[in-house]
PDB file of N, CA and C in Angstrom:
ATOM      1  N   UNK A   1     -24.749-176.049 135.556  1.00  0.00           N
ATOM      2  CA  UNK A   1     -23.426-175.457 135.768  1.00  0.00           C
ATOM      3  C   UNK A   1     -22.121-176.113 135.176  1.00  0.00           C
ATOM      4  N   UNK A   2     -21.024-175.630 135.484  1.00  0.00           N
ATOM      5  CA  UNK A   2     -19.941-175.935 134.817  1.00  0.00           C
ATOM      6  C   UNK A   2     -19.660-177.312 135.468  1.00  0.00           C
ATOM      7  N   UNK A   3     -19.610-177.543 136.635  1.00  0.00           N
ATOM      8  CA  UNK A   3     -19.283-178.920 137.497  1.00  0.00           C
ATOM      9  C   UNK A   3     -20.191-180.179 136.543  1.00  0.00           C
ATOM     10  N   UNK A   4     -21.194-180.116 136.170  1.00  0.00           N
ATOM     11  CA  UNK A   4     -21.938-180.951 135.777  1.00  0.00           C
ATOM     12  C   UNK A   4     -21.384-181.487 134.427  1.00  0.00           C
ATOM     13  N   UNK A   5     -20.200-180.596 133.609  1.00  0.00           N
ATOM     14  CA  UNK A   5     -20.003-180.713 132.676  1.00  0.00           C
ATOM     15  C   UNK A   5     -18.282-181.613 132.692  1.00  0.00           C
ATOM     16  N   UNK A   6     -18.145-181.660 134.140  1.00  0.00           N
ATOM     17  CA  UNK A   6     -16.561-182.063 134.005  1.00  0.00           C
ATOM     18  C   UNK A   6     -17.069-184.025 134.472  1.00  0.00           C
ATOM     19  N   UNK A   7     -16.429-184.686 133.786  1.00  0.00           N
ATOM     20  CA  UNK A   7     -16.711-186.259 133.773  1.00  0.00           C
ATOM     21  C   UNK A   7     -15.192-186.902 133.967  1.00  0.00           C
ATOM     22  N   UNK A   8     -15.309-187.113 135.363  1.00  0.00           N
ATOM     23  CA  UNK A   8     -13.688-188.133 135.646  1.00  0.00           C
ATOM     24  C   UNK A   8     -13.423-189.391 134.861  1.00  0.00           C
ATOM     25  N   UNK A   9     -14.757-190.230 134.200  1.00  0.00           N
ATOM     26  CA  UNK A   9     -14.607-191.219 133.557  1.00  0.00           C
ATOM     27  C   UNK A   9     -13.993-190.870 131.786  1.00  0.00           C
ATOM     28  N   UNK A  10     -13.916-189.574 131.686  1.00  0.00           N
ATOM     29  CA  UNK A  10     -13.481-189.233 130.448  1.00  0.00           C
ATOM     30  C   UNK A  10     -12.215-188.403 130.336  1.00  0.00           C
ATOM     31  N   UNK A  11     -11.378-188.744 131.171  1.00  0.00           N
ATOM     32  CA  UNK A  11     -10.153-187.747 131.704  1.00  0.00           C
ATOM     33  C   UNK A  11      -9.541-187.126 130.380  1.00  0.00           C
ATOM     34  N   UNK A  12      -9.571-187.486 129.282  1.00  0.00           N
ATOM     35  CA  UNK A  12      -8.976-187.000 127.719  1.00  0.00           C
ATOM     36  C   UNK A  12      -9.433-185.854 127.802  1.00  0.00           C
ATOM     37  N   UNK A  13     -10.927-185.282 128.055  1.00  0.00           N
ATOM     38  CA  UNK A  13     -11.653-184.245 128.053  1.00  0.00           C
ATOM     39  C   UNK A  13     -11.631-183.562 129.186  1.00  0.00           C
ATOM     40  N   UNK A  14     -10.902-183.724 129.855  1.00  0.00           N
ATOM     41  CA  UNK A  14     -10.605-183.024 131.367  1.00  0.00           C
ATOM     42  C   UNK A  14      -9.578-181.739 131.294  1.00  0.00           C
ATOM     43  N   UNK A  15      -8.658-182.329 130.443  1.00  0.00           N
ATOM     44  CA  UNK A  15      -7.277-181.331 130.181  1.00  0.00           C
ATOM     45  C   UNK A  15      -7.225-179.737 130.261  1.00  0.00           C
ATOM     46  N   UNK A  16      -8.218-179.330 129.291  1.00  0.00           N
ATOM     47  CA  UNK A  16      -8.459-177.871 128.736  1.00  0.00           C
ATOM     48  C   UNK A  16      -9.221-177.344 129.965  1.00  0.00           C
ATOM     49  N   UNK A  17     -10.318-178.097 130.518  1.00  0.00           N
ATOM     50  CA  UNK A  17     -11.264-177.339 131.465  1.00  0.00           C
ATOM     51  C   UNK A  17     -10.516-177.189 132.897  1.00  0.00           C
ATOM     52  N   UNK A  18      -9.736-178.551 133.172  1.00  0.00           N
ATOM     53  CA  UNK A  18      -8.924-178.080 134.437  1.00  0.00           C
ATOM     54  C   UNK A  18      -8.070-176.832 134.179  1.00  0.00           C
ATOM     55  N   UNK A  19      -7.076-176.938 133.292  1.00  0.00           N
ATOM     56  CA  UNK A  19      -5.942-175.829 132.988  1.00  0.00           C
ATOM     57  C   UNK A  19      -7.252-174.459 133.090  1.00  0.00           C
ATOM     58  N   UNK A  20      -7.828-174.368 132.140  1.00  0.00           N
ATOM     59  CA  UNK A  20      -8.831-173.016 132.165  1.00  0.00           C
ATOM     60  C   UNK A  20      -8.999-172.640 133.809  1.00  0.00           C
ATOM     61  N   UNK A  21      -9.722-173.638 134.356  1.00  0.00           N
ATOM     62  CA  UNK A  21     -10.316-173.313 135.489  1.00  0.00           C
ATOM     63  C   UNK A  21      -9.372-173.080 136.523  1.00  0.00           C
ATOM     64  N   UNK A  22      -8.402-173.626 136.389  1.00  0.00           N
ATOM     65  CA  UNK A  22      -7.014-173.190 137.039  1.00  0.00           C
ATOM     66  C   UNK A  22      -6.625-171.677 136.983  1.00  0.00           C
ATOM     67  N   UNK A  23      -6.508-171.361 135.805  1.00  0.00           N
ATOM     68  CA  UNK A  23      -6.029-170.093 135.588  1.00  0.00           C
ATOM     69  C   UNK A  23      -7.133-169.195 135.885  1.00  0.00           C
ATOM     70  N   UNK A  24      -8.408-169.356 135.792  1.00  0.00           N
ATOM     71  CA  UNK A  24      -9.513-168.401 136.241  1.00  0.00           C
ATOM     72  C   UNK A  24      -9.582-168.338 137.767  1.00  0.00           C
ATOM     73  N   UNK A  25      -9.380-169.270 138.243  1.00  0.00           N
ATOM     74  CA  UNK A  25      -9.622-169.128 139.556  1.00  0.00           C
ATOM     75  C   UNK A  25      -8.293-168.222 140.268  1.00  0.00           C
ATOM     76  N   UNK A  26      -7.203-168.610 139.810  1.00  0.00           N
ATOM     77  CA  UNK A  26      -5.899-167.702 140.116  1.00  0.00           C
ATOM     78  C   UNK A  26      -5.822-166.386 139.825  1.00  0.00           C
ATOM     79  N   UNK A  27      -6.876-165.750 138.626  1.00  0.00           N
ATOM     80  CA  UNK A  27      -6.763-164.391 138.190  1.00  0.00           C
ATOM     81  C   UNK A  27      -8.184-163.612 138.850  1.00  0.00           C
ATOM     82  N   UNK A  28      -8.946-164.296 138.917  1.00  0.00           N
ATOM     83  CA  UNK A  28     -10.378-164.028 139.143  1.00  0.00           C
ATOM     84  C   UNK A  28     -10.991-164.679 140.669  1.00  0.00           C
ATOM     85  N   UNK A  29     -10.255-164.705 141.432  1.00  0.00           N
ATOM     86  CA  UNK A  29     -10.665-165.740 142.571  1.00  0.00           C
ATOM     87  C   UNK A  29     -11.776-165.334 143.035  1.00  0.00           C
ATOM     88  N   UNK A  30     -12.206-164.088 143.194  1.00  0.00           N
ATOM     89  CA  UNK A  30     -13.247-163.456 143.963  1.00  0.00           C
ATOM     90  C   UNK A  30     -14.561-163.491 142.966  1.00  0.00           C
ATOM     91  N   UNK A  31     -14.674-163.469 141.853  1.00  0.00           N
ATOM     92  CA  UNK A  31     -15.723-163.821 140.873  1.00  0.00           C
ATOM     93  C   UNK A  31     -15.919-165.270 140.957  1.00  0.00           C
ATOM     94  N   UNK A  32     -15.156-166.251 141.383  1.00  0.00           N
ATOM     95  CA  UNK A  32     -15.884-167.458 140.976  1.00  0.00           C
ATOM     96  C   UNK A  32     -15.685-168.449 142.480  1.00  0.00           C
ATOM     97  N   UNK A  33     -15.416-167.660 143.807  1.00  0.00           N
ATOM     98  CA  UNK A  33     -15.150-168.573 145.045  1.00  0.00           C
ATOM     99  C   UNK A  33     -15.940-169.255 145.341  1.00  0.00           C
ATOM    100  N   UNK A  34     -17.280-169.576 145.126  1.00  0.00           N
ATOM    101  CA  UNK A  34     -18.580-170.150 145.682  1.00  0.00           C
ATOM    102  C   UNK A  34     -18.442-171.351 144.427  1.00  0.00           C
ATOM    103  N   UNK A  35     -18.556-171.443 143.153  1.00  0.00           N
ATOM    104  CA  UNK A  35     -18.588-172.495 142.268  1.00  0.00           C
ATOM    105  C   UNK A  35     -17.015-173.157 142.285  1.00  0.00           C
ATOM    106  N   UNK A  36     -16.077-172.674 142.498  1.00  0.00           N
ATOM    107  CA  UNK A  36     -14.673-173.134 142.334  1.00  0.00           C
ATOM    108  C   UNK A  36     -14.978-174.158 143.597  1.00  0.00           C
ATOM    109  N   UNK A  37     -15.369-173.624 144.897  1.00  0.00           N
ATOM    110  CA  UNK A  37     -15.191-174.238 146.557  1.00  0.00           C
ATOM    111  C   UNK A  37     -15.682-175.491 146.006  1.00  0.00           C
ATOM    112  N   UNK A  38     -17.045-175.669 145.314  1.00  0.00           N
ATOM    113  CA  UNK A  38     -17.443-176.779 145.223  1.00  0.00           C
ATOM    114  C   UNK A  38     -17.185-177.756 144.032  1.00  0.00           C
ATOM    115  N   UNK A  39     -16.316-177.000 143.121  1.00  0.00           N
ATOM    116  CA  UNK A  39     -15.853-177.945 142.173  1.00  0.00           C
ATOM    117  C   UNK A  39     -14.652-178.745 142.583  1.00  0.00           C
ATOM    118  N   UNK A  40     -14.145-177.958 143.421  1.00  0.00           N
ATOM    119  CA  UNK A  40     -12.540-178.236 144.237  1.00  0.00           C
ATOM    120  C   UNK A  40     -12.646-179.222 145.035  1.00  0.00           C
ATOM    121  N   UNK A  41     -14.085-179.285 146.220  1.00  0.00           N
ATOM    122  CA  UNK A  41     -14.274-180.382 146.991  1.00  0.00           C
ATOM    123  C   UNK A  41     -15.007-181.397 146.506  1.00  0.00           C
ATOM    124  N   UNK A  42     -16.052-180.876 145.592  1.00  0.00           N
ATOM    125  CA  UNK A  42     -16.754-182.246 145.259  1.00  0.00           C
ATOM    126  C   UNK A  42     -16.199-183.048 143.899  1.00  0.00           C
ATOM    127  N   UNK A  43     -15.480-182.365 143.108  1.00  0.00           N
ATOM    128  CA  UNK A  43     -15.199-182.852 141.575  1.00  0.00           C
ATOM    129  C   UNK A  43     -13.461-183.279 141.895  1.00  0.00           C
ATOM    130  N   UNK A  44     -12.802-182.396 141.927  1.00  0.00           N
ATOM    131  CA  UNK A  44     -11.791-182.495 141.955  1.00  0.00           C
ATOM    132  C   UNK A  44     -10.882-183.183 142.933  1.00  0.00           C
ATOM    133  N   UNK A  45     -11.370-183.203 144.292  1.00  0.00           N
ATOM    134  CA  UNK A  45     -10.833-183.984 145.300  1.00  0.00           C
ATOM    135  C   UNK A  45     -11.603-185.695 145.703  1.00  0.00           C
ATOM    136  N   UNK A  46     -13.056-185.396 145.844  1.00  0.00           N
ATOM    137  CA  UNK A  46     -13.609-186.453 145.900  1.00  0.00           C
ATOM    138  C   UNK A  46     -13.670-187.513 144.639  1.00  0.00           C
ATOM    139  N   UNK A  47     -13.817-186.734 143.595  1.00  0.00           N
ATOM    140  CA  UNK A  47     -14.074-187.778 142.444  1.00  0.00           C
ATOM    141  C   UNK A  47     -12.751-187.939 141.695  1.00  0.00           C
ATOM    142  N   UNK A  48     -11.920-186.825 141.541  1.00  0.00           N
ATOM    143  CA  UNK A  48     -11.060-187.355 140.628  1.00  0.00           C
ATOM    144  C   UNK A  48      -9.660-187.637 140.887  1.00  0.00           C
ATOM    145  N   UNK A  49      -9.201-187.299 142.534  1.00  0.00           N
ATOM    146  CA  UNK A  49      -7.869-187.235 142.947  1.00  0.00           C
ATOM    147  C   UNK A  49      -7.917-188.737 143.540  1.00  0.00           C
ATOM    148  N   UNK A  50      -9.122-188.858 144.188  1.00  0.00           N
ATOM    149  CA  UNK A  50      -9.347-189.676 145.225  1.00  0.00           C
ATOM    150  C   UNK A  50      -9.990-191.426 144.704  1.00  0.00           C
ATOM    151  N   UNK A  51     -10.200-191.563 143.733  1.00  0.00           N
ATOM    152  CA  UNK A  51     -10.464-192.325 142.612  1.00  0.00           C
ATOM    153  C   UNK A  51      -9.594-192.575 141.711  1.00  0.00           C
ATOM    154  N   UNK A  52      -9.294-194.256 141.496  1.00  0.00           N
ATOM    155  CA  UNK A  52      -8.155-194.840 140.217  1.00  0.00           C
ATOM    156  C   UNK A  52      -9.339-195.596 139.542  1.00  0.00           C
ATOM    157  N   UNK A  53      -9.528-194.972 138.059  1.00  0.00           N
ATOM    158  CA  UNK A  53      -9.999-195.506 137.569  1.00  0.00           C
ATOM    159  C   UNK A  53      -9.422-196.673 136.624  1.00  0.00           C
ATOM    160  N   UNK A  54      -8.262-196.444 136.426  1.00  0.00           N
ATOM    161  CA  UNK A  54      -7.259-197.171 135.874  1.00  0.00           C
ATOM    162  C   UNK A  54      -6.245-197.922 136.364  1.00  0.00           C
ATOM    163  N   UNK A  55      -5.953-199.048 135.738  1.00  0.00           N
ATOM    164  CA  UNK A  55      -4.662-200.018 136.687  1.00  0.00           C
ATOM    165  C   UNK A  55      -3.353-199.143 136.202  1.00  0.00           C
ATOM    166  N   UNK A  56      -2.334-198.885 136.967  1.00  0.00           N
ATOM    167  CA  UNK A  56      -1.158-198.242 136.601  1.00  0.00           C
ATOM    168  C   UNK A  56      -0.250-199.038 136.022  1.00  0.00           C
ATOM    169  N   UNK A  57       0.533-198.987 135.026  1.00  0.00           N
ATOM    170  CA  UNK A  57       1.658-199.633 134.713  1.00  0.00           C
ATOM    171  C   UNK A  57       2.963-199.061 135.001  1.00  0.00           C
ATOM    172  N   UNK A  58       3.537-199.729 136.114  1.00  0.00           N
ATOM    173  CA  UNK A  58       4.903-199.404 136.664  1.00  0.00           C
ATOM    174  C   UNK A  58       5.832-199.944 135.681  1.00  0.00           C
ATOM    175  N   UNK A  59       6.774-199.319 135.417  1.00  0.00           N
ATOM    176  CA  UNK A  59       8.185-199.023 134.469  1.00  0.00           C
ATOM    177  C   UNK A  59       9.244-199.089 135.182  1.00  0.00           C
ATOM    178  N   UNK A  60       9.272-198.742 136.503  1.00  0.00           N
ATOM    179  CA  UNK A  60      10.596-198.559 137.381  1.00  0.00           C
ATOM    180  C   UNK A  60      11.241-197.368 137.417  1.00  0.00           C
ATOM    181  N   UNK A  61      11.089-196.449 136.241  1.00  0.00           N
ATOM    182  CA  UNK A  61      11.658-195.284 136.262  1.00  0.00           C
ATOM    183  C   UNK A  61      10.974-194.298 137.033  1.00  0.00           C
ATOM    184  N   UNK A  62      11.738-193.261 137.206  1.00  0.00           N
ATOM    185  CA  UNK A  62      11.374-191.928 138.245  1.00  0.00           C
ATOM    186  C   UNK A  62      10.839-191.041 137.059  1.00  0.00           C
ATOM    187  N   UNK A  63      10.924-191.073 136.170  1.00  0.00           N
ATOM    188  CA  UNK A  63      10.258-189.959 135.273  1.00  0.00           C
ATOM    189  C   UNK A  63       9.874-190.683 134.177  1.00  0.00           C
ATOM    190  N   UNK A  64       8.589-190.372 133.404  1.00  0.00           N
ATOM    191  CA  UNK A  64       7.929-190.783 132.220  1.00  0.00           C
ATOM    192  C   UNK A  64       7.930-189.677 131.328  1.00  0.00           C
ATOM    193  N   UNK A  65       8.011-189.681 130.205  1.00  0.00           N
ATOM    194  CA  UNK A  65       7.517-188.784 129.304  1.00  0.00           C
ATOM    195  C   UNK A  65       5.690-188.588 129.512  1.00  0.00           C
ATOM    196  N   UNK A  66       5.433-187.321 129.044  1.00  0.00           N
ATOM    197  CA  UNK A  66       3.842-187.261 129.016  1.00  0.00           C
ATOM    198  C   UNK A  66       3.263-187.712 128.423  1.00  0.00           C
ATOM    199  N   UNK A  67       3.742-188.226 127.099  1.00  0.00           N
ATOM    200  CA  UNK A  67       2.836-189.184 126.156  1.00  0.00           C
ATOM    201  C   UNK A  67       3.086-190.802 126.316  1.00  0.00           C
ATOM    202  N   UNK A  68       3.719-190.885 127.565  1.00  0.00           N
ATOM    203  CA  UNK A  68       4.057-192.096 127.878  1.00  0.00           C
ATOM    204  C   UNK A  68       3.036-192.528 129.111  1.00  0.00           C
ATOM    205  N   UNK A  69       2.235-191.413 129.598  1.00  0.00           N
ATOM    206  CA  UNK A  69       1.443-191.989 131.030  1.00  0.00           C
ATOM    207  C   UNK A  69      -0.096-191.861 130.233  1.00  0.00           C
ATOM    208  N   UNK A  70      -0.762-192.163 131.066  1.00  0.00           N
ATOM    209  CA  UNK A  70      -2.462-192.297 130.832  1.00  0.00           C
ATOM    210  C   UNK A  70      -2.922-191.131 131.203  1.00  0.00           C
ATOM    211  N   UNK A  71      -4.137-190.922 130.178  1.00  0.00           N
ATOM    212  CA  UNK A  71      -5.094-189.586 130.220  1.00  0.00           C
ATOM    213  C   UNK A  71      -5.118-189.471 131.647  1.00  0.00           C
ATOM    214  N   UNK A  72      -5.774-190.375 132.372  1.00  0.00           N
ATOM    215  CA  UNK A  72      -6.138-190.320 133.783  1.00  0.00           C
ATOM    216  C   UNK A  72      -4.840-189.428 134.686  1.00  0.00           C
ATOM    217  N   UNK A  73      -3.863-190.093 134.507  1.00  0.00           N
ATOM    218  CA  UNK A  73      -2.272-189.427 135.538  1.00  0.00           C
ATOM    219  C   UNK A  73      -2.740-188.158 134.806  1.00  0.00           C
ATOM    220  N   UNK A  74      -2.427-188.017 133.441  1.00  0.00           N
ATOM    221  CA  UNK A  74      -2.448-186.370 132.751  1.00  0.00           C
ATOM    222  C   UNK A  74      -3.558-185.395 133.484  1.00  0.00           C
ATOM    223  N   UNK A  75      -4.713-185.972 133.644  1.00  0.00           N
ATOM    224  CA  UNK A  75      -5.775-185.010 134.173  1.00  0.00           C
ATOM    225  C   UNK A  75      -5.566-184.978 135.925  1.00  0.00           C
ATOM    226  N   UNK A  76      -4.982-185.791 136.661  1.00  0.00           N
ATOM    227  CA  UNK A  76      -4.718-185.788 137.826  1.00  0.00           C
ATOM    228  C   UNK A  76      -3.503-184.636 138.498  1.00  0.00           C
ATOM    229  N   UNK A  77      -2.928-184.884 137.108  1.00  0.00           N
ATOM    230  CA  UNK A  77      -1.821-183.826 137.466  1.00  0.00           C
ATOM    231  C   UNK A  77      -2.308-182.198 137.038  1.00  0.00           C
ATOM    232  N   UNK A  78      -2.980-182.223 136.013  1.00  0.00           N
ATOM    233  CA  UNK A  78      -3.674-180.855 136.072  1.00  0.00           C
ATOM    234  C   UNK A  78      -4.419-180.688 136.941  1.00  0.00           C
ATOM    235  N   UNK A  79      -5.324-181.569 137.589  1.00  0.00           N
ATOM    236  CA  UNK A  79      -6.074-181.417 138.784  1.00  0.00           C
ATOM    237  C   UNK A  79      -4.928-180.832 139.892  1.00  0.00           C
ATOM    238  N   UNK A  80      -3.764-181.119 140.093  1.00  0.00           N
ATOM    239  CA  UNK A  80      -3.192-180.626 141.322  1.00  0.00           C
ATOM    240  C   UNK A  80      -2.457-179.312 141.109  1.00  0.00           C
ATOM    241  N   UNK A  81      -2.575-179.055 139.922  1.00  0.00           N
ATOM    242  CA  UNK A  81      -2.004-177.480 139.238  1.00  0.00           C
ATOM    243  C   UNK A  81      -3.218-176.599 139.665  1.00  0.00           C
ATOM    244  N   UNK A  82      -4.357-177.052 139.309  1.00  0.00           N
ATOM    245  CA  UNK A  82      -5.570-176.187 139.353  1.00  0.00           C
ATOM    246  C   UNK A  82      -5.934-175.833 140.964  1.00  0.00           C
ATOM    247  N   UNK A  83      -5.167-176.864 141.820  1.00  0.00           N
ATOM    248  CA  UNK A  83      -5.610-176.483 143.286  1.00  0.00           C
ATOM    249  C   UNK A  83      -4.299-175.762 143.724  1.00  0.00           C
ATOM    250  N   UNK A  84      -3.400-175.540 142.844  1.00  0.00           N
ATOM    251  CA  UNK A  84      -2.146-174.642 143.730  1.00  0.00           C
ATOM    252  C   UNK A  84      -2.563-173.570 143.106  1.00  0.00           C
ATOM    253  N   UNK A  85      -3.256-173.336 141.743  1.00  0.00           N
ATOM    254  CA  UNK A  85      -3.376-172.027 141.134  1.00  0.00           C
ATOM    255  C   UNK A  85      -4.469-171.469 141.933  1.00  0.00           C
ATOM    256  N   UNK A  86      -5.498-171.937 142.579  1.00  0.00           N
ATOM    257  CA  UNK A  86      -6.687-171.978 143.150  1.00  0.00           C
ATOM    258  C   UNK A  86      -6.512-170.991 144.587  1.00  0.00           C
ATOM    259  N   UNK A  87      -5.425-171.816 144.916  1.00  0.00           N
ATOM    260  CA  UNK A  87      -4.657-171.341 146.389  1.00  0.00           C
ATOM    261  C   UNK A  87      -3.853-169.963 146.198  1.00  0.00           C
ATOM    262  N   UNK A  88      -3.124-169.917 145.143  1.00  0.00           N
ATOM    263  CA  UNK A  88      -2.486-168.623 144.531  1.00  0.00           C
ATOM    264  C   UNK A  88      -3.517-167.515 144.792  1.00  0.00           C
ATOM    265  N   UNK A  89      -4.892-167.896 143.871  1.00  0.00           N
ATOM    266  CA  UNK A  89      -5.689-166.632 143.668  1.00  0.00           C
ATOM    267  C   UNK A  89      -6.291-166.694 145.346  1.00  0.00           C
ATOM    268  N   UNK A  90      -6.147-166.953 146.168  1.00  0.00           N
ATOM    269  CA  UNK A  90      -7.102-166.975 147.456  1.00  0.00           C
ATOM    270  C   UNK A  90      -5.799-166.643 148.494  1.00  0.00           C
ATOM    271  N   UNK A  91      -4.685-166.407 148.152  1.00  0.00           N
ATOM    272  CA  UNK A  91      -3.643-165.894 148.950  1.00  0.00           C
ATOM    273  C   UNK A  91      -3.496-164.868 150.193  1.00  0.00           C
ATOM    274  N   UNK A  92      -4.613-164.005 149.687  1.00  0.00           N
ATOM    275  CA  UNK A  92      -5.135-163.159 150.543  1.00  0.00           C
ATOM    276  C   UNK A  92      -6.105-163.216 151.473  1.00  0.00           C
ATOM    277  N   UNK A  93      -6.911-164.262 150.913  1.00  0.00           N
ATOM    278  CA  UNK A  93      -7.858-164.728 151.926  1.00  0.00           C
ATOM    279  C   UNK A  93      -7.900-166.235 152.567  1.00  0.00           C
ATOM    280  N   UNK A  94      -7.595-165.910 153.848  1.00  0.00           N
ATOM    281  CA  UNK A  94      -7.395-166.861 154.908  1.00  0.00           C
ATOM    282  C   UNK A  94      -8.786-167.741 155.101  1.00  0.00           C
ATOM    283  N   UNK A  95      -8.947-168.826 154.485  1.00  0.00           N
ATOM    284  CA  UNK A  95      -9.992-169.243 154.749  1.00  0.00           C
ATOM    285  C   UNK A  95     -10.206-170.722 154.812  1.00  0.00           C
ATOM    286  N   UNK A  96     -11.377-171.438 155.466  1.00  0.00           N
ATOM    287  CA  UNK A  96     -10.841-173.100 155.452  1.00  0.00           C
ATOM    288  C   UNK A  96     -10.580-173.842 154.688  1.00  0.00           C
ATOM    289  N   UNK A  97     -11.041-173.610 153.377  1.00  0.00           N
ATOM    290  CA  UNK A  97     -10.943-173.731 152.086  1.00  0.00           C
ATOM    291  C   UNK A  97      -9.448-173.980 151.897  1.00  0.00           C
ATOM    292  N   UNK A  98      -8.796-172.893 151.983  1.00  0.00           N
ATOM    293  CA  UNK A  98      -7.353-172.853 151.655  1.00  0.00           C
ATOM    294  C   UNK A  98      -6.355-173.857 152.560  1.00  0.00           C
ATOM    295  N   UNK A  99      -6.820-173.333 153.649  1.00  0.00           N
ATOM    296  CA  UNK A  99      -6.114-174.568 154.791  1.00  0.00           C
ATOM    297  C   UNK A  99      -6.372-175.698 154.599  1.00  0.00           C
ATOM    298  N   UNK A 100      -7.798-176.370 154.474  1.00  0.00           N
ATOM    299  CA  UNK A 100      -7.929-177.475 153.937  1.00  0.00           C
ATOM    300  C   UNK A 100      -7.250-178.230 153.019  1.00  0.00           C
ATOM    301  N   UNK A 101      -7.159-177.320 151.758  1.00  0.00           N
ATOM    302  CA  UNK A 101      -6.372-177.760 150.442  1.00  0.00           C
ATOM    303  C   UNK A 101      -4.936-177.918 150.661  1.00  0.00           C
ATOM    304  N   UNK A 102      -4.419-177.066 151.317  1.00  0.00           N
ATOM    305  CA  UNK A 102      -3.265-176.746 151.874  1.00  0.00           C
ATOM    306  C   UNK A 102      -2.486-178.123 152.738  1.00  0.00           C
ATOM    307  N   UNK A 103      -3.588-178.671 153.559  1.00  0.00           N
ATOM    308  CA  UNK A 103      -3.476-179.996 154.336  1.00  0.00           C
ATOM    309  C   UNK A 103      -3.465-181.342 153.241  1.00  0.00           C
ATOM    310  N   UNK A 104      -4.275-181.080 152.046  1.00  0.00           N
ATOM    311  CA  UNK A 104      -4.535-182.140 151.111  1.00  0.00           C
ATOM    312  C   UNK A 104      -3.228-182.339 150.267  1.00  0.00           C
ATOM    313  N   UNK A 105      -2.671-180.879 150.234  1.00  0.00           N
ATOM    314  CA  UNK A 105      -1.460-181.146 149.269  1.00  0.00           C
ATOM    315  C   UNK A 105      -0.196-181.750 149.977  1.00  0.00           C
ATOM    316  N   UNK A 106      -0.360-181.209 151.533  1.00  0.00           N
ATOM    317  CA  UNK A 106       0.899-181.784 151.964  1.00  0.00           C
ATOM    318  C   UNK A 106       0.710-183.524 152.027  1.00  0.00           C
ATOM    319  N   UNK A 107      -0.420-184.078 152.546  1.00  0.00           N
ATOM    320  CA  UNK A 107      -0.963-185.212 152.660  1.00  0.00           C
ATOM    321  C   UNK A 107      -0.509-186.208 151.437  1.00  0.00           C
ATOM    322  N   UNK A 108      -0.599-185.397 150.317  1.00  0.00           N
ATOM    323  CA  UNK A 108      -0.223-185.739 148.798  1.00  0.00           C
ATOM    324  C   UNK A 108       1.401-186.186 148.785  1.00  0.00           C
ATOM    325  N   UNK A 109       2.277-185.014 149.263  1.00  0.00           N
ATOM    326  CA  UNK A 109       3.196-185.210 149.276  1.00  0.00           C
ATOM    327  C   UNK A 109       4.054-186.427 150.031  1.00  0.00           C
ATOM    328  N   UNK A 110       3.506-186.189 151.492  1.00  0.00           N
ATOM    329  CA  UNK A 110       3.829-187.394 152.477  1.00  0.00           C
ATOM    330  C   UNK A 110       3.615-188.709 152.114  1.00  0.00           C
ATOM    331  N   UNK A 111       2.392-188.711 151.300  1.00  0.00           N
ATOM    332  CA  UNK A 111       2.202-190.171 151.061  1.00  0.00           C
ATOM    333  C   UNK A 111       2.542-190.825 149.450  1.00  0.00           C
ATOM    334  N   UNK A 112       3.299-189.825 148.933  1.00  0.00           N
ATOM    335  CA  UNK A 112       4.126-189.679 147.814  1.00  0.00           C
ATOM    336  C   UNK A 112       2.708-189.899 146.528  1.00  0.00           C
ATOM    337  N   UNK A 113       1.757-189.536 146.832  1.00  0.00           N
ATOM    338  CA  UNK A 113       0.588-189.369 145.906  1.00  0.00           C
ATOM    339  C   UNK A 113      -0.305-190.633 145.985  1.00  0.00           C
ATOM    340  N   UNK A 114      -0.203-191.443 146.983  1.00  0.00           N
ATOM    341  CA  UNK A 114      -1.095-192.414 147.258  1.00  0.00           C
ATOM    342  C   UNK A 114      -2.181-192.131 148.136  1.00  0.00           C
ATOM    343  N   UNK A 115      -3.189-190.999 147.797  1.00  0.00           N
ATOM    344  CA  UNK A 115      -3.896-190.541 149.184  1.00  0.00           C
ATOM    345  C   UNK A 115      -4.895-191.739 149.771  1.00  0.00           C
ATOM    346  N   UNK A 116      -4.991-192.802 148.730  1.00  0.00           N
ATOM    347  CA  UNK A 116      -6.097-193.660 149.272  1.00  0.00           C
ATOM    348  C   UNK A 116      -5.275-194.783 149.810  1.00  0.00           C
ATOM    349  N   UNK A 117      -3.902-194.867 149.722  1.00  0.00           N
ATOM    350  CA  UNK A 117      -2.721-196.038 150.443  1.00  0.00           C
ATOM    351  C   UNK A 117      -3.141-197.259 150.183  1.00  0.00           C
ATOM    352  N   UNK A 118      -3.664-197.383 148.949  1.00  0.00           N
ATOM    353  CA  UNK A 118      -3.589-198.579 148.323  1.00  0.00           C
ATOM    354  C   UNK A 118      -2.602-199.127 147.286  1.00  0.00           C
ATOM    355  N   UNK A 119      -1.779-198.925 147.800  1.00  0.00           N
ATOM    356  CA  UNK A 119      -0.441-199.058 147.282  1.00  0.00           C
ATOM    357  C   UNK A 119      -0.453-199.340 145.715  1.00  0.00           C
ATOM    358  N   UNK A 120      -1.006-198.341 144.920  1.00  0.00           N
ATOM    359  CA  UNK A 120      -1.360-198.760 143.360  1.00  0.00           C
ATOM    360  C   UNK A 120      -0.083-197.680 142.809  1.00  0.00           C
ATOM    361  N   UNK A 121       0.771-196.940 143.478  1.00  0.00           N
ATOM    362  CA  UNK A 121       1.556-196.268 142.985  1.00  0.00           C
ATOM    363  C   UNK A 121       2.874-196.880 142.651  1.00  0.00           C
TER     364      UNK A 121
END
């Protein structure tokens, strides 16, 4: 399955698959509902978003250009975009998955992205 080819330890190779999966899940949500639910729960949330693999460099600026951000951060940004696209695909399907994903995104906003509350951001 596709989920086995996703490796959070190599974030440079995650950008294209994450963007592709996000668009597929938005445009054809019924075709990939079960695999996407598993990928979102087990890989995107538990593995990629909840774990920090590298130490961040604070530069004191509110905004940094993409080429100055670590591959891990770029992968996490694409993972969040995937979650939003997945939700857009499920907008007519009120499921527990959609509700829990909305709660996760809300928690990310409240905690300013620091889901683990380790003050690493």
